[in-house]
């Protein structure tokens, strides 16, 4: 695994061993959209950013791909009413 492509939040979650699936944002190199398949749970795409629910093994595989620039753990979203 290329840990330089993993943000601190995701690295901590992977190190804690909590959970076997992680909701992440995968930042791709420009023009690499068709080069990277995140699997059947690829949930959305916007430009060079993909959102997906991935296993530890899928994250490891993605960090080794040149087209993947960074993988970031998704945060919990709140509505404006909760703020």
C-alpha atoms as a PDB file:
ATOM      1  CA  UNK A   1       0.000   0.000   0.000  1.00  0.00           C
ATOM      2  CA  UNK A   2       1.223   3.481  -0.868  1.00  0.00           C
ATOM      3  CA  UNK A   3       0.464   5.325   2.382  1.00  0.00           C
ATOM      4  CA  UNK A   4       1.382   8.688   0.816  1.00  0.00           C
ATOM      5  CA  UNK A   5      -1.938   8.526  -1.072  1.00  0.00           C
ATOM      6  CA  UNK A   6      -4.048   7.924   2.056  1.00  0.00           C
ATOM      7  CA  UNK A   7      -5.248  10.788   4.275  1.00  0.00           C
ATOM      8  CA  UNK A   8      -4.768  10.728   8.053  1.00  0.00           C
ATOM      9  CA  UNK A   9      -8.422   9.925   8.804  1.00  0.00           C
ATOM     10  CA  UNK A  10      -8.455   6.913   6.526  1.00  0.00           C
ATOM     11  CA  UNK A  11      -5.050   5.744   7.740  1.00  0.00           C
ATOM     12  CA  UNK A  12      -6.359   5.868  11.307  1.00  0.00           C
ATOM     13  CA  UNK A  13      -9.529   3.951  10.401  1.00  0.00           C
ATOM     14  CA  UNK A  14      -7.507   1.310   8.564  1.00  0.00           C
ATOM     15  CA  UNK A  15      -5.084   1.030  11.487  1.00  0.00           C
ATOM     16  CA  UNK A  16      -7.853   0.744  14.090  1.00  0.00           C
ATOM     17  CA  UNK A  17      -9.319  -2.261  12.349  1.00  0.00           C
ATOM     18  CA  UNK A  18     -12.804  -0.791  12.812  1.00  0.00           C
ATOM     19  CA  UNK A  19     -15.069  -1.972  10.035  1.00  0.00           C
ATOM     20  CA  UNK A  20     -14.405  -3.802   6.840  1.00  0.00           C
ATOM     21  CA  UNK A  21     -15.941  -1.234   4.439  1.00  0.00           C
ATOM     22  CA  UNK A  22     -14.997   2.437   4.211  1.00  0.00           C
ATOM     23  CA  UNK A  23     -16.796   5.308   2.475  1.00  0.00           C
ATOM     24  CA  UNK A  24     -14.079   7.225   0.654  1.00  0.00           C
ATOM     25  CA  UNK A  25     -13.381   9.890  -1.954  1.00  0.00           C
ATOM     26  CA  UNK A  26     -10.886   8.813  -4.600  1.00  0.00           C
ATOM     27  CA  UNK A  27      -9.085  11.663  -6.367  1.00  0.00           C
ATOM     28  CA  UNK A  28      -7.854  10.681  -9.832  1.00  0.00           C
ATOM     29  CA  UNK A  29      -5.302  12.216 -12.162  1.00  0.00           C
ATOM     30  CA  UNK A  30      -6.880  14.347 -14.906  1.00  0.00           C
ATOM     31  CA  UNK A  31      -7.854  12.200 -17.884  1.00  0.00           C
ATOM     32  CA  UNK A  32      -7.735   8.961 -15.889  1.00  0.00           C
ATOM     33  CA  UNK A  33     -11.510   8.586 -15.548  1.00  0.00           C
ATOM     34  CA  UNK A  34     -11.781   5.397 -17.587  1.00  0.00           C
ATOM     35  CA  UNK A  35      -8.508   3.913 -16.312  1.00  0.00           C
ATOM     36  CA  UNK A  36      -9.745   3.241 -12.770  1.00  0.00           C
ATOM     37  CA  UNK A  37     -12.639   0.990 -11.788  1.00  0.00           C
ATOM     38  CA  UNK A  38     -13.723   1.263  -8.182  1.00  0.00           C
ATOM     39  CA  UNK A  39     -15.958  -1.767  -8.410  1.00  0.00           C
ATOM     40  CA  UNK A  40     -19.702  -2.312  -8.241  1.00  0.00           C
ATOM     41  CA  UNK A  41     -20.186   0.081  -5.323  1.00  0.00           C
ATOM     42  CA  UNK A  42     -18.851   3.130  -7.172  1.00  0.00           C
ATOM     43  CA  UNK A  43     -21.632   5.463  -6.054  1.00  0.00           C
ATOM     44  CA  UNK A  44     -20.970   8.800  -7.721  1.00  0.00           C
ATOM     45  CA  UNK A  45     -18.574  10.763  -9.847  1.00  0.00           C
ATOM     46  CA  UNK A  46     -17.762  14.448 -10.268  1.00  0.00           C
ATOM     47  CA  UNK A  47     -14.870  15.311 -12.546  1.00  0.00           C
ATOM     48  CA  UNK A  48     -11.814  13.492 -11.241  1.00  0.00           C
ATOM     49  CA  UNK A  49     -13.346  12.608  -7.861  1.00  0.00           C
ATOM     50  CA  UNK A  50     -15.167   9.346  -7.176  1.00  0.00           C
ATOM     51  CA  UNK A  51     -17.130   8.377  -4.092  1.00  0.00           C
ATOM     52  CA  UNK A  52     -17.272   4.696  -3.181  1.00  0.00           C
ATOM     53  CA  UNK A  53     -17.625   2.182  -0.380  1.00  0.00           C
ATOM     54  CA  UNK A  54     -14.493   0.041  -0.491  1.00  0.00           C
ATOM     55  CA  UNK A  55     -12.894  -2.806   1.412  1.00  0.00           C
ATOM     56  CA  UNK A  56      -9.402  -2.595   2.894  1.00  0.00           C
ATOM     57  CA  UNK A  57      -8.108  -4.763   0.014  1.00  0.00           C
ATOM     58  CA  UNK A  58      -9.712  -2.536  -2.631  1.00  0.00           C
ATOM     59  CA  UNK A  59      -8.110   0.535  -1.035  1.00  0.00           C
ATOM     60  CA  UNK A  60      -4.721  -1.185  -1.034  1.00  0.00           C
ATOM     61  CA  UNK A  61      -5.131  -2.072  -4.714  1.00  0.00           C
ATOM     62  CA  UNK A  62      -6.109   1.488  -5.639  1.00  0.00           C
ATOM     63  CA  UNK A  63      -3.162   3.125  -3.878  1.00  0.00           C
ATOM     64  CA  UNK A  64      -0.833   1.145  -6.149  1.00  0.00           C
ATOM     65  CA  UNK A  65      -2.408   2.594  -9.313  1.00  0.00           C
ATOM     66  CA  UNK A  66      -0.637   5.571 -10.911  1.00  0.00           C
ATOM     67  CA  UNK A  67      -3.959   7.204 -11.882  1.00  0.00           C
ATOM     68  CA  UNK A  68      -5.011   7.467  -8.217  1.00  0.00           C
ATOM     69  CA  UNK A  69      -3.678  10.635  -6.621  1.00  0.00           C
ATOM     70  CA  UNK A  70      -5.288  10.538  -3.154  1.00  0.00           C
ATOM     71  CA  UNK A  71      -7.884   8.600  -1.128  1.00  0.00           C
ATOM     72  CA  UNK A  72      -9.756  10.419   1.618  1.00  0.00           C
ATOM     73  CA  UNK A  73     -12.166   9.083   4.240  1.00  0.00           C
ATOM     74  CA  UNK A  74     -15.638  10.563   3.916  1.00  0.00           C
ATOM     75  CA  UNK A  75     -16.832  12.583   6.889  1.00  0.00           C
ATOM     76  CA  UNK A  76     -20.232  12.551   8.523  1.00  0.00           C
ATOM     77  CA  UNK A  77     -22.564  15.065   6.932  1.00  0.00           C
ATOM     78  CA  UNK A  78     -25.023  17.155   8.917  1.00  0.00           C
ATOM     79  CA  UNK A  79     -27.965  19.214   7.787  1.00  0.00           C
ATOM     80  CA  UNK A  80     -27.920  22.970   8.297  1.00  0.00           C
ATOM     81  CA  UNK A  81     -30.572  22.506  10.996  1.00  0.00           C
ATOM     82  CA  UNK A  82     -28.169  20.317  13.028  1.00  0.00           C
ATOM     83  CA  UNK A  83     -25.357  22.894  12.985  1.00  0.00           C
END
